[in-house]
Structures are given as structure tokens and as C-alpha cells.
Amino acid sequence: MKRTTSEIQLINPAMTEWTVKPGDKVSVFSPEGDPRDPSTNLSQAYIVPEPFVLQPLYLSGFIQTDPLSKIDIDRLQPYLTTDISESLILEINRAIDDFVCTVGLQSRLATWKQIETQLQLVLDTCDSVLFGIQTLARLTDPKVLDNSVSQGALSADRLVKHMLTDQIASKEIILQIDLSPIRLSCIRALADVKSKIKRGRKPESVFRLFLGRLANAMKEEGFEVKVPWNESVPDKAHPSFLFVNNVLSICIEKGKAAINGSDLKETEKSEAIRALSHHRKSFRAIGHYFRDGSLG
């Protein structure tokens, strides 16, 4: 029996516009065996895009947001000059799902600071291992001499070295390890992560990304995106702006339902819903995000 990728979770990057598309190169990470074997437990397996990029990631399916319904589409249609295409609907669904998952899993997502700490831990451990190997070599190599011979009696160090030489063939003792590939990869990654932490991110970058994805999706479909000249007069706002505002409302409605239906702890659900509700912005605030982020 063939196994399909639909049985396996896909990792998704938080706070980026990237998403896996048909034709992209991927691999399956399965710590419990060959994922093609029907007997292999896939509960810990997930699909990894290639090349892998170090960044905060979440797993698909943990929070499941319903796609746009016919009612939702009918609600959005009046703000567009032509029928909503399937491709635009797909991009809106993806943007909503990524936004809800990123906000909902905020307490579980690895932070850049945590990634930095983990990389440094690997480097520190490499240093400890190398120091340990060097120390062990000094303790076991008979060619490393002390001054006990000139003192009239062999030291404990010398005695143990002779015992090991007598009982173990020299070819059986190989105290060599090359950690340079691990060190170089972590050093490069650490420099990149540190630069991200140093630059920092604009407040509510997740929300900015969401608005940007909506704006880009509309532009791809040939729709003009304009920021209203006066957010205090919603009725005079450009249809594209009203479209985005309505997508945001739908996103929050669907997001709350998805979070409530997830396996998050009750305290996490409450916090996630509070955070999601915080993104229900006023016309003025959304207009500010569009102008400040050059989204329009």
C-alpha cells in the first residue's frame, strides 16, 4: 500500500510569505523509520522543504481554519470589478490560515532568541567535546611523558598508560573527531540570527505581512489597491480597501473558531483569541499600516 504525503504534517514558516507549492522539492523527516513503509508510525514525521531555512516554523493541521465559504465570497464580491478567481480565493485562504496559526501558536513558536541560544549551546558543546578529546589523549597516549622516571618511581599516570598499551592494540584507540562541519554551519547560522535580532522587527510584523499578502494577491489578479484619503469616511474608501477590511473580519471570525476547536490548552486558547481580537483594527489603523508599510 502506497503512503501519501496527505498523511504527514507539513512545516510552515511563521511570519514570511513563503509557502510550499506544487512542484517544490521536499523531503520527509521521519525519526521512526522509512516513511514509505506502512508499518512506520508517522506521528512524529513531517514534510521539510528543500533547501531548509532556519526560522520559526509551525506544523500544518494543528489549528485548522475553514476556507472561505460561498457566504464569505458573496460578502467580498461587491468590492471587486470582476468575479473572484479560484487563485485569489486560494491565496486568501493561505494568508488567513498562516495568520491564524502564527497568532494561535505564538506561545509555542521558537523565537529568534531561543534559536540563538540553541546554536550557541551546540557550539559550546563542540568546544567541550574537543577539550575532552584532547584531555583524554593526554591521559592515554604513552608518548605524552611526565617526569616520574627521573623521580625514581612511575606515577599513576604512567602506570595507567602502560596498562592501556599492554591490553589494547594501538589501532583500536582512535581519538579523532572532526566537528568543523557542525561548527561552521552553526557559526554562519548564528551570525545570521544575531543580525535579525539586532535589526529587530517592526511591531505586529505578522499583521503587516497579512495585509501585504492580501495586497499582493489582489495586484496579481489585476486589481488596483488604494489607501483611502480619509479613513474617517469609510463610505468613500476605495473598494480594494473595503475588500481587505472585510477579509480581516472574516479572518478573525474563522480564526476564533479554529483556535477554539484546536488542541491548545484553555489558557493558550484564551491568550490566542485575545491576541487575534487585538488585530481587529480601525479604518485609520489599517490605513496607517498600508502607508507605513508601502502596501498600497
C-alpha atoms as a PDB file:
ATOM      1  CA  MET A   1       0.000   0.000   0.000  1.00  0.00           C
ATOM      2  CA  LYS A   2       1.387   3.376  -1.030  1.00  0.00           C
ATOM      3  CA  ARG A   3       1.570   6.117   1.535  1.00  0.00           C
ATOM      4  CA  THR A   4       0.730   9.682   0.553  1.00  0.00           C
ATOM      5  CA  THR A   5       2.020  13.000   1.832  1.00  0.00           C
ATOM      6  CA  SER A   6      -1.504  13.842   2.995  1.00  0.00           C
ATOM      7  CA  GLU A   7      -0.807  11.535   5.959  1.00  0.00           C
ATOM      8  CA  ILE A   8       2.125  13.706   7.051  1.00  0.00           C
ATOM      9  CA  GLN A   9       2.216  17.190   8.532  1.00  0.00           C
ATOM     10  CA  LEU A  10       3.885  19.986   6.602  1.00  0.00           C
ATOM     11  CA  ILE A  11       6.064  22.564   8.298  1.00  0.00           C
ATOM     12  CA  ASN A  12       5.242  26.178   7.512  1.00  0.00           C
ATOM     13  CA  PRO A  13       7.329  29.256   8.235  1.00  0.00           C
ATOM     14  CA  ALA A  14       5.797  31.826  10.541  1.00  0.00           C
ATOM     15  CA  MET A  15       5.925  35.497   9.571  1.00  0.00           C
ATOM     16  CA  THR A  16       7.020  35.004   5.967  1.00  0.00           C
ATOM     17  CA  GLU A  17       5.061  34.927   2.708  1.00  0.00           C
ATOM     18  CA  TRP A  18       6.668  31.663   1.588  1.00  0.00           C
ATOM     19  CA  THR A  19       4.540  28.555   1.203  1.00  0.00           C
ATOM     20  CA  VAL A  20       5.064  25.129  -0.356  1.00  0.00           C
ATOM     21  CA  LYS A  21       3.644  24.965  -3.879  1.00  0.00           C
ATOM     22  CA  PRO A  22       3.122  22.047  -6.264  1.00  0.00           C
ATOM     23  CA  GLY A  23       6.446  21.136  -7.845  1.00  0.00           C
ATOM     24  CA  ASP A  24       8.583  22.378  -4.937  1.00  0.00           C
ATOM     25  CA  LYS A  25      11.290  19.978  -3.784  1.00  0.00           C
ATOM     26  CA  VAL A  26      10.556  18.470  -0.372  1.00  0.00           C
ATOM     27  CA  SER A  27      11.716  15.583   1.809  1.00  0.00           C
ATOM     28  CA  VAL A  28      10.107  13.686   4.663  1.00  0.00           C
ATOM     29  CA  PHE A  29      11.792  13.641   8.070  1.00  0.00           C
ATOM     30  CA  SER A  30      10.738  10.502   9.912  1.00  0.00           C
ATOM     31  CA  PRO A  31      12.663   9.655  13.112  1.00  0.00           C
ATOM     32  CA  GLU A  32      10.848   6.331  13.494  1.00  0.00           C
ATOM     33  CA  GLY A  33      11.833   4.717  10.197  1.00  0.00           C
ATOM     34  CA  ASP A  34      11.198   4.744   6.473  1.00  0.00           C
ATOM     35  CA  PRO A  35       8.005   6.794   5.869  1.00  0.00           C
ATOM     36  CA  ARG A  36       7.244   4.649   2.791  1.00  0.00           C
ATOM     37  CA  ASP A  37       6.922   1.575   4.996  1.00  0.00           C
ATOM     38  CA  PRO A  38       3.236   1.118   6.016  1.00  0.00           C
ATOM     39  CA  SER A  39       4.368  -0.121   9.428  1.00  0.00           C
ATOM     40  CA  THR A  40       6.226   3.129  10.237  1.00  0.00           C
ATOM     41  CA  ASN A  41       4.495   5.395  12.728  1.00  0.00           C
ATOM     42  CA  LEU A  42       4.138   8.822  11.107  1.00  0.00           C
ATOM     43  CA  SER A  43       3.018  10.699  14.215  1.00  0.00           C
ATOM     44  CA  GLN A  44       6.455  12.348  14.512  1.00  0.00           C
ATOM     45  CA  ALA A  45       7.089  12.725  10.770  1.00  0.00           C
ATOM     46  CA  TYR A  46       6.811  15.960   8.822  1.00  0.00           C
ATOM     47  CA  ILE A  47       7.494  17.310   5.342  1.00  0.00           C
ATOM     48  CA  VAL A  48      10.538  19.572   5.025  1.00  0.00           C
ATOM     49  CA  PRO A  49      11.022  21.943   2.060  1.00  0.00           C
ATOM     50  CA  GLU A  50      14.459  21.893   0.434  1.00  0.00           C
ATOM     51  CA  PRO A  51      16.676  23.699   0.999  1.00  0.00           C
ATOM     52  CA  PHE A  52      15.789  24.026   4.664  1.00  0.00           C
ATOM     53  CA  VAL A  53      15.819  27.575   6.032  1.00  0.00           C
ATOM     54  CA  LEU A  54      16.365  28.118   9.750  1.00  0.00           C
ATOM     55  CA  GLN A  55      13.412  30.146  11.040  1.00  0.00           C
ATOM     56  CA  PRO A  56      10.378  29.823  13.358  1.00  0.00           C
ATOM     57  CA  LEU A  57       8.121  27.079  11.958  1.00  0.00           C
ATOM     58  CA  TYR A  58       4.752  25.588  12.762  1.00  0.00           C
ATOM     59  CA  LEU A  59       3.085  22.333  11.714  1.00  0.00           C
ATOM     60  CA  SER A  60       0.063  22.276   9.447  1.00  0.00           C
ATOM     61  CA  GLY A  61      -3.164  20.822  10.736  1.00  0.00           C
ATOM     62  CA  PHE A  62      -2.735  21.631  14.426  1.00  0.00           C
ATOM     63  CA  ILE A  63      -5.010  24.645  14.025  1.00  0.00           C
ATOM     64  CA  GLN A  64      -7.391  24.116  11.106  1.00  0.00           C
ATOM     65  CA  THR A  65      -9.040  27.210   9.684  1.00  0.00           C
ATOM     66  CA  ASP A  66     -12.064  26.703   7.452  1.00  0.00           C
ATOM     67  CA  PRO A  67     -11.644  28.006   3.889  1.00  0.00           C
ATOM     68  CA  LEU A  68     -13.804  30.796   2.500  1.00  0.00           C
ATOM     69  CA  SER A  69     -17.422  29.696   2.187  1.00  0.00           C
ATOM     70  CA  LYS A  70     -19.865  30.792  -0.521  1.00  0.00           C
ATOM     71  CA  ILE A  71     -21.323  33.235   2.003  1.00  0.00           C
ATOM     72  CA  ASP A  72     -17.846  34.697   2.591  1.00  0.00           C
ATOM     73  CA  ILE A  73     -17.188  35.000  -1.138  1.00  0.00           C
ATOM     74  CA  ASP A  74     -20.559  36.684  -1.704  1.00  0.00           C
ATOM     75  CA  ARG A  75     -19.661  39.096   1.072  1.00  0.00           C
ATOM     76  CA  LEU A  76     -16.402  40.042  -0.656  1.00  0.00           C
ATOM     77  CA  GLN A  77     -17.572  40.045  -4.271  1.00  0.00           C
ATOM     78  CA  PRO A  78     -19.194  43.543  -4.296  1.00  0.00           C
ATOM     79  CA  TYR A  79     -15.799  45.167  -3.726  1.00  0.00           C
ATOM     80  CA  LEU A  80     -14.244  43.707  -6.887  1.00  0.00           C
ATOM     81  CA  THR A  81     -14.897  44.623 -10.506  1.00  0.00           C
ATOM     82  CA  THR A  82     -14.806  41.006 -11.695  1.00  0.00           C
ATOM     83  CA  ASP A  83     -15.633  37.619 -10.197  1.00  0.00           C
ATOM     84  CA  ILE A  84     -13.245  36.395  -7.519  1.00  0.00           C
ATOM     85  CA  SER A  85     -10.926  33.872  -9.164  1.00  0.00           C
ATOM     86  CA  GLU A  86     -10.030  30.495  -7.687  1.00  0.00           C
ATOM     87  CA  SER A  87      -6.393  31.608  -7.430  1.00  0.00           C
ATOM     88  CA  LEU A  88      -7.335  34.685  -5.376  1.00  0.00           C
ATOM     89  CA  ILE A  89      -9.543  32.570  -3.112  1.00  0.00           C
ATOM     90  CA  LEU A  90      -6.635  30.135  -2.627  1.00  0.00           C
ATOM     91  CA  GLU A  91      -4.223  32.949  -1.708  1.00  0.00           C
ATOM     92  CA  ILE A  92      -6.726  34.455   0.737  1.00  0.00           C
ATOM     93  CA  ASN A  93      -7.257  31.057   2.370  1.00  0.00           C
ATOM     94  CA  ARG A  94      -3.495  30.585   2.707  1.00  0.00           C
ATOM     95  CA  ALA A  95      -2.986  34.055   4.143  1.00  0.00           C
ATOM     96  CA  ILE A  96      -5.800  33.568   6.675  1.00  0.00           C
ATOM     97  CA  ASP A  97      -4.545  30.111   7.708  1.00  0.00           C
ATOM     98  CA  ASP A  98      -0.943  31.275   8.133  1.00  0.00           C
ATOM     99  CA  PHE A  99      -2.023  34.357  10.072  1.00  0.00           C
ATOM    100  CA  VAL A 100      -4.305  32.398  12.431  1.00  0.00           C
ATOM    101  CA  CYS A 101      -1.715  29.644  13.004  1.00  0.00           C
ATOM    102  CA  THR A 102       1.081  32.134  13.664  1.00  0.00           C
ATOM    103  CA  VAL A 103      -1.026  34.091  16.155  1.00  0.00           C
ATOM    104  CA  GLY A 104      -2.573  30.976  17.709  1.00  0.00           C
ATOM    105  CA  LEU A 105       0.751  29.180  18.203  1.00  0.00           C
ATOM    106  CA  GLN A 106       2.672  32.271  19.318  1.00  0.00           C
ATOM    107  CA  SER A 107       3.425  30.800  22.748  1.00  0.00           C
ATOM    108  CA  ARG A 108       4.826  27.624  21.163  1.00  0.00           C
ATOM    109  CA  LEU A 109       6.770  29.055  18.242  1.00  0.00           C
ATOM    110  CA  ALA A 110      10.525  29.140  18.711  1.00  0.00           C
ATOM    111  CA  THR A 111      11.791  32.714  18.973  1.00  0.00           C
ATOM    112  CA  TRP A 112      14.919  34.025  17.275  1.00  0.00           C
ATOM    113  CA  LYS A 113      16.441  34.424  20.727  1.00  0.00           C
ATOM    114  CA  GLN A 114      15.782  30.761  21.539  1.00  0.00           C
ATOM    115  CA  ILE A 115      17.293  29.713  18.215  1.00  0.00           C
ATOM    116  CA  GLU A 116      20.352  31.842  19.008  1.00  0.00           C
ATOM    117  CA  THR A 117      20.688  30.164  22.418  1.00  0.00           C
ATOM    118  CA  GLN A 118      20.398  26.685  20.887  1.00  0.00           C
ATOM    119  CA  LEU A 119      23.061  27.400  18.263  1.00  0.00           C
ATOM    120  CA  GLN A 120      25.400  28.714  20.951  1.00  0.00           C
ATOM    121  CA  LEU A 121      24.744  25.577  23.029  1.00  0.00           C
ATOM    122  CA  VAL A 122      25.816  23.386  20.089  1.00  0.00           C
ATOM    123  CA  LEU A 123      28.995  25.428  19.651  1.00  0.00           C
ATOM    124  CA  ASP A 124      29.778  25.319  23.383  1.00  0.00           C
ATOM    125  CA  THR A 125      29.225  21.563  23.410  1.00  0.00           C
ATOM    126  CA  CYS A 126      31.578  21.167  20.434  1.00  0.00           C
ATOM    127  CA  ASP A 127      34.222  23.050  22.417  1.00  0.00           C
ATOM    128  CA  SER A 128      33.624  20.803  25.423  1.00  0.00           C
ATOM    129  CA  VAL A 129      33.873  17.652  23.304  1.00  0.00           C
ATOM    130  CA  LEU A 130      37.108  18.823  21.687  1.00  0.00           C
ATOM    131  CA  PHE A 131      38.547  19.730  25.075  1.00  0.00           C
ATOM    132  CA  GLY A 132      37.510  16.319  26.403  1.00  0.00           C
ATOM    133  CA  ILE A 133      39.123  14.513  23.459  1.00  0.00           C
ATOM    134  CA  GLN A 134      42.347  16.479  23.938  1.00  0.00           C
ATOM    135  CA  THR A 135      42.344  15.720  27.663  1.00  0.00           C
ATOM    136  CA  LEU A 136      41.680  12.013  27.052  1.00  0.00           C
ATOM    137  CA  ALA A 137      44.544  11.891  24.561  1.00  0.00           C
ATOM    138  CA  ARG A 138      46.936  13.331  27.150  1.00  0.00           C
ATOM    139  CA  LEU A 139      45.715  10.769  29.718  1.00  0.00           C
ATOM    140  CA  THR A 140      46.069   7.712  27.458  1.00  0.00           C
ATOM    141  CA  ASP A 141      48.856   8.406  24.957  1.00  0.00           C
ATOM    142  CA  PRO A 142      52.076   6.750  26.244  1.00  0.00           C
ATOM    143  CA  LYS A 143      54.132   9.225  24.239  1.00  0.00           C
ATOM    144  CA  VAL A 144      52.948  12.038  26.474  1.00  0.00           C
ATOM    145  CA  LEU A 145      55.626  11.832  29.172  1.00  0.00           C
ATOM    146  CA  ASP A 146      55.851  13.140  32.710  1.00  0.00           C
ATOM    147  CA  ASN A 147      58.948  13.433  34.909  1.00  0.00           C
ATOM    148  CA  SER A 148      58.233  10.364  37.053  1.00  0.00           C
ATOM    149  CA  VAL A 149      61.185   8.367  35.630  1.00  0.00           C
ATOM    150  CA  SER A 150      63.634  10.931  36.990  1.00  0.00           C
ATOM    151  CA  GLN A 151      61.915  10.716  40.384  1.00  0.00           C
ATOM    152  CA  GLY A 152      62.739   7.031  40.915  1.00  0.00           C
ATOM    153  CA  ALA A 153      59.159   5.660  40.624  1.00  0.00           C
ATOM    154  CA  LEU A 154      56.411   5.563  37.980  1.00  0.00           C
ATOM    155  CA  SER A 155      53.465   7.855  38.531  1.00  0.00           C
ATOM    156  CA  ALA A 156      49.834   6.719  38.457  1.00  0.00           C
ATOM    157  CA  ASP A 157      49.508   8.483  35.084  1.00  0.00           C
ATOM    158  CA  ARG A 158      52.387   6.455  33.662  1.00  0.00           C
ATOM    159  CA  LEU A 159      51.095   3.184  35.155  1.00  0.00           C
ATOM    160  CA  VAL A 160      47.629   3.589  33.643  1.00  0.00           C
ATOM    161  CA  LYS A 161      49.088   4.432  30.247  1.00  0.00           C
ATOM    162  CA  HIS A 162      51.232   1.264  30.341  1.00  0.00           C
ATOM    163  CA  MET A 163      48.183  -0.807  31.305  1.00  0.00           C
ATOM    164  CA  LEU A 164      46.206   0.520  28.357  1.00  0.00           C
ATOM    165  CA  THR A 165      49.167  -0.013  25.997  1.00  0.00           C
ATOM    166  CA  ASP A 166      49.511  -3.604  27.186  1.00  0.00           C
ATOM    167  CA  GLN A 167      45.814  -4.506  26.970  1.00  0.00           C
ATOM    168  CA  ILE A 168      44.616  -2.550  23.938  1.00  0.00           C
ATOM    169  CA  ALA A 169      46.125  -2.555  20.489  1.00  0.00           C
ATOM    170  CA  SER A 170      47.026   0.963  19.407  1.00  0.00           C
ATOM    171  CA  LYS A 171      44.906   0.660  16.275  1.00  0.00           C
ATOM    172  CA  GLU A 172      41.849   0.140  18.474  1.00  0.00           C
ATOM    173  CA  ILE A 173      42.251   3.574  20.031  1.00  0.00           C
ATOM    174  CA  ILE A 174      41.292   6.311  17.609  1.00  0.00           C
ATOM    175  CA  LEU A 175      40.827   9.642  19.330  1.00  0.00           C
ATOM    176  CA  GLN A 176      39.911  11.692  16.299  1.00  0.00           C
ATOM    177  CA  ILE A 177      36.773  13.690  15.640  1.00  0.00           C
ATOM    178  CA  ASP A 178      36.032  16.377  13.081  1.00  0.00           C
ATOM    179  CA  LEU A 179      33.435  18.821  14.313  1.00  0.00           C
ATOM    180  CA  SER A 180      34.308  21.534  11.805  1.00  0.00           C
ATOM    181  CA  PRO A 181      31.209  20.954   9.583  1.00  0.00           C
ATOM    182  CA  ILE A 182      28.923  21.347  12.611  1.00  0.00           C
ATOM    183  CA  ARG A 183      30.833  24.357  13.888  1.00  0.00           C
ATOM    184  CA  LEU A 184      30.928  26.166  10.537  1.00  0.00           C
ATOM    185  CA  SER A 185      27.203  25.652   9.908  1.00  0.00           C
ATOM    186  CA  CYS A 186      26.289  26.888  13.390  1.00  0.00           C
ATOM    187  CA  ILE A 187      28.678  29.852  13.231  1.00  0.00           C
ATOM    188  CA  ARG A 188      27.159  31.018   9.933  1.00  0.00           C
ATOM    189  CA  ALA A 189      23.611  30.497  11.208  1.00  0.00           C
ATOM    190  CA  LEU A 190      24.398  32.263  14.481  1.00  0.00           C
ATOM    191  CA  ALA A 191      25.720  35.331  12.651  1.00  0.00           C
ATOM    192  CA  ASP A 192      22.521  35.472  10.571  1.00  0.00           C
ATOM    193  CA  VAL A 193      20.268  35.062  13.609  1.00  0.00           C
ATOM    194  CA  LYS A 194      22.171  37.705  15.577  1.00  0.00           C
ATOM    195  CA  SER A 195      21.724  40.165  12.703  1.00  0.00           C
ATOM    196  CA  LYS A 196      17.960  39.507  12.720  1.00  0.00           C
ATOM    197  CA  ILE A 197      17.797  40.082  16.479  1.00  0.00           C
ATOM    198  CA  LYS A 198      19.918  43.222  16.199  1.00  0.00           C
ATOM    199  CA  ARG A 199      17.761  44.680  13.400  1.00  0.00           C
ATOM    200  CA  GLY A 200      14.627  43.707  15.240  1.00  0.00           C
ATOM    201  CA  ARG A 201      11.191  43.571  13.636  1.00  0.00           C
ATOM    202  CA  LYS A 202       8.533  46.211  13.304  1.00  0.00           C
ATOM    203  CA  PRO A 203       5.734  45.840  15.846  1.00  0.00           C
ATOM    204  CA  GLU A 204       2.983  43.488  14.706  1.00  0.00           C
ATOM    205  CA  SER A 205       5.010  42.274  11.727  1.00  0.00           C
ATOM    206  CA  VAL A 206       2.629  39.320  11.432  1.00  0.00           C
ATOM    207  CA  PHE A 207      -0.232  41.714  10.761  1.00  0.00           C
ATOM    208  CA  ARG A 208       1.836  43.699   8.264  1.00  0.00           C
ATOM    209  CA  LEU A 209       2.651  40.501   6.432  1.00  0.00           C
ATOM    210  CA  PHE A 210      -1.015  39.507   6.325  1.00  0.00           C
ATOM    211  CA  LEU A 211      -2.035  42.844   4.805  1.00  0.00           C
ATOM    212  CA  GLY A 212       0.875  42.659   2.367  1.00  0.00           C
ATOM    213  CA  ARG A 213      -0.139  39.204   1.210  1.00  0.00           C
ATOM    214  CA  LEU A 214      -3.687  40.356   0.568  1.00  0.00           C
ATOM    215  CA  ALA A 215      -2.494  43.413  -1.333  1.00  0.00           C
ATOM    216  CA  ASN A 216      -0.043  41.369  -3.431  1.00  0.00           C
ATOM    217  CA  ALA A 217      -2.691  38.730  -4.197  1.00  0.00           C
ATOM    218  CA  MET A 218      -5.084  41.418  -5.429  1.00  0.00           C
ATOM    219  CA  LYS A 219      -2.402  43.068  -7.565  1.00  0.00           C
ATOM    220  CA  GLU A 220      -1.551  39.693  -9.115  1.00  0.00           C
ATOM    221  CA  GLU A 221      -5.193  39.462 -10.199  1.00  0.00           C
ATOM    222  CA  GLY A 222      -5.010  42.927 -11.757  1.00  0.00           C
ATOM    223  CA  PHE A 223      -6.966  44.783  -9.061  1.00  0.00           C
ATOM    224  CA  GLU A 224      -5.894  48.274  -8.058  1.00  0.00           C
ATOM    225  CA  VAL A 225      -5.087  48.675  -4.365  1.00  0.00           C
ATOM    226  CA  LYS A 226      -5.553  52.156  -2.927  1.00  0.00           C
ATOM    227  CA  VAL A 227      -5.321  53.550   0.580  1.00  0.00           C
ATOM    228  CA  PRO A 228      -8.263  55.819   1.466  1.00  0.00           C
ATOM    229  CA  TRP A 229      -7.521  59.527   1.539  1.00  0.00           C
ATOM    230  CA  ASN A 230      -9.649  59.904   4.667  1.00  0.00           C
ATOM    231  CA  GLU A 231     -10.138  56.849   6.897  1.00  0.00           C
ATOM    232  CA  SER A 232     -12.752  58.777   8.877  1.00  0.00           C
ATOM    233  CA  VAL A 233     -15.170  58.423   5.948  1.00  0.00           C
ATOM    234  CA  PRO A 234     -15.427  54.649   5.333  1.00  0.00           C
ATOM    235  CA  ASP A 235     -18.162  55.003   2.709  1.00  0.00           C
ATOM    236  CA  LYS A 236     -15.750  56.904   0.464  1.00  0.00           C
ATOM    237  CA  ALA A 237     -12.923  54.374   0.815  1.00  0.00           C
ATOM    238  CA  HIS A 238     -11.598  52.629  -2.282  1.00  0.00           C
ATOM    239  CA  PRO A 239     -13.305  49.221  -2.857  1.00  0.00           C
ATOM    240  CA  SER A 240      -9.955  47.423  -2.526  1.00  0.00           C
ATOM    241  CA  PHE A 241      -9.529  48.845   0.967  1.00  0.00           C
ATOM    242  CA  LEU A 242     -13.035  47.727   1.928  1.00  0.00           C
ATOM    243  CA  PHE A 243     -12.239  44.306   0.476  1.00  0.00           C
ATOM    244  CA  VAL A 244      -9.170  43.964   2.713  1.00  0.00           C
ATOM    245  CA  ASN A 245     -11.111  45.174   5.745  1.00  0.00           C
ATOM    246  CA  ASN A 246     -13.791  42.537   5.165  1.00  0.00           C
ATOM    247  CA  VAL A 247     -11.199  39.779   4.668  1.00  0.00           C
ATOM    248  CA  LEU A 248      -9.706  40.784   8.010  1.00  0.00           C
ATOM    249  CA  SER A 249     -13.112  40.482   9.708  1.00  0.00           C
ATOM    250  CA  ILE A 250     -13.661  37.046   8.148  1.00  0.00           C
ATOM    251  CA  CYS A 251     -10.158  36.023   9.208  1.00  0.00           C
ATOM    252  CA  ILE A 252     -10.780  36.900  12.858  1.00  0.00           C
ATOM    253  CA  GLU A 253     -14.169  35.141  12.864  1.00  0.00           C
ATOM    254  CA  LYS A 254     -12.736  31.962  11.373  1.00  0.00           C
ATOM    255  CA  GLY A 255      -9.605  32.215  13.493  1.00  0.00           C
ATOM    256  CA  LYS A 256     -11.513  32.260  16.759  1.00  0.00           C
ATOM    257  CA  ALA A 257     -13.489  29.177  15.733  1.00  0.00           C
ATOM    258  CA  ALA A 258     -10.316  27.373  14.636  1.00  0.00           C
ATOM    259  CA  ILE A 259      -8.474  28.170  17.866  1.00  0.00           C
ATOM    260  CA  ASN A 260     -11.444  27.066  19.993  1.00  0.00           C
ATOM    261  CA  GLY A 261     -11.555  23.799  18.077  1.00  0.00           C
ATOM    262  CA  SER A 262      -7.821  23.107  18.387  1.00  0.00           C
ATOM    263  CA  ASP A 263      -5.884  21.043  20.938  1.00  0.00           C
ATOM    264  CA  LEU A 264      -4.355  24.129  22.544  1.00  0.00           C
ATOM    265  CA  LYS A 265      -4.664  24.363  26.312  1.00  0.00           C
ATOM    266  CA  GLU A 266      -7.532  26.503  27.556  1.00  0.00           C
ATOM    267  CA  THR A 267      -5.151  29.188  28.785  1.00  0.00           C
ATOM    268  CA  GLU A 268      -3.427  29.216  25.384  1.00  0.00           C
ATOM    269  CA  LYS A 269      -6.778  29.460  23.607  1.00  0.00           C
ATOM    270  CA  SER A 270      -7.780  32.466  25.703  1.00  0.00           C
ATOM    271  CA  GLU A 271      -4.484  34.212  25.048  1.00  0.00           C
ATOM    272  CA  ALA A 272      -4.569  33.392  21.327  1.00  0.00           C
ATOM    273  CA  ILE A 273      -8.136  34.670  20.911  1.00  0.00           C
ATOM    274  CA  ARG A 274      -7.241  37.829  22.823  1.00  0.00           C
ATOM    275  CA  ALA A 275      -4.241  38.347  20.535  1.00  0.00           C
ATOM    276  CA  LEU A 276      -6.337  37.665  17.434  1.00  0.00           C
ATOM    277  CA  SER A 277      -9.028  40.110  18.554  1.00  0.00           C
ATOM    278  CA  HIS A 278      -6.325  42.737  19.028  1.00  0.00           C
ATOM    279  CA  HIS A 279      -5.855  42.697  15.244  1.00  0.00           C
ATOM    280  CA  ARG A 280      -9.394  43.920  14.599  1.00  0.00           C
ATOM    281  CA  LYS A 281      -8.141  47.352  13.573  1.00  0.00           C
ATOM    282  CA  SER A 282      -9.951  50.564  12.828  1.00  0.00           C
ATOM    283  CA  PHE A 283     -10.020  52.004   9.317  1.00  0.00           C
ATOM    284  CA  ARG A 284      -7.475  54.585  10.401  1.00  0.00           C
ATOM    285  CA  ALA A 285      -5.112  51.951  11.790  1.00  0.00           C
ATOM    286  CA  ILE A 286      -5.306  49.771   8.675  1.00  0.00           C
ATOM    287  CA  GLY A 287      -4.690  52.820   6.508  1.00  0.00           C
ATOM    288  CA  HIS A 288      -1.629  53.615   8.599  1.00  0.00           C
ATOM    289  CA  TYR A 289      -0.265  50.097   8.112  1.00  0.00           C
ATOM    290  CA  PHE A 290      -0.761  50.337   4.356  1.00  0.00           C
ATOM    291  CA  ARG A 291       1.021  53.667   4.058  1.00  0.00           C
ATOM    292  CA  ASP A 292       3.760  52.912   6.557  1.00  0.00           C
ATOM    293  CA  GLY A 293       4.481  49.507   5.030  1.00  0.00           C
ATOM    294  CA  SER A 294       4.162  50.693   1.418  1.00  0.00           C
ATOM    295  CA  LEU A 295       1.475  48.054   0.850  1.00  0.00           C
ATOM    296  CA  GLY A 296      -0.850  50.155  -1.197  1.00  0.00           C
END
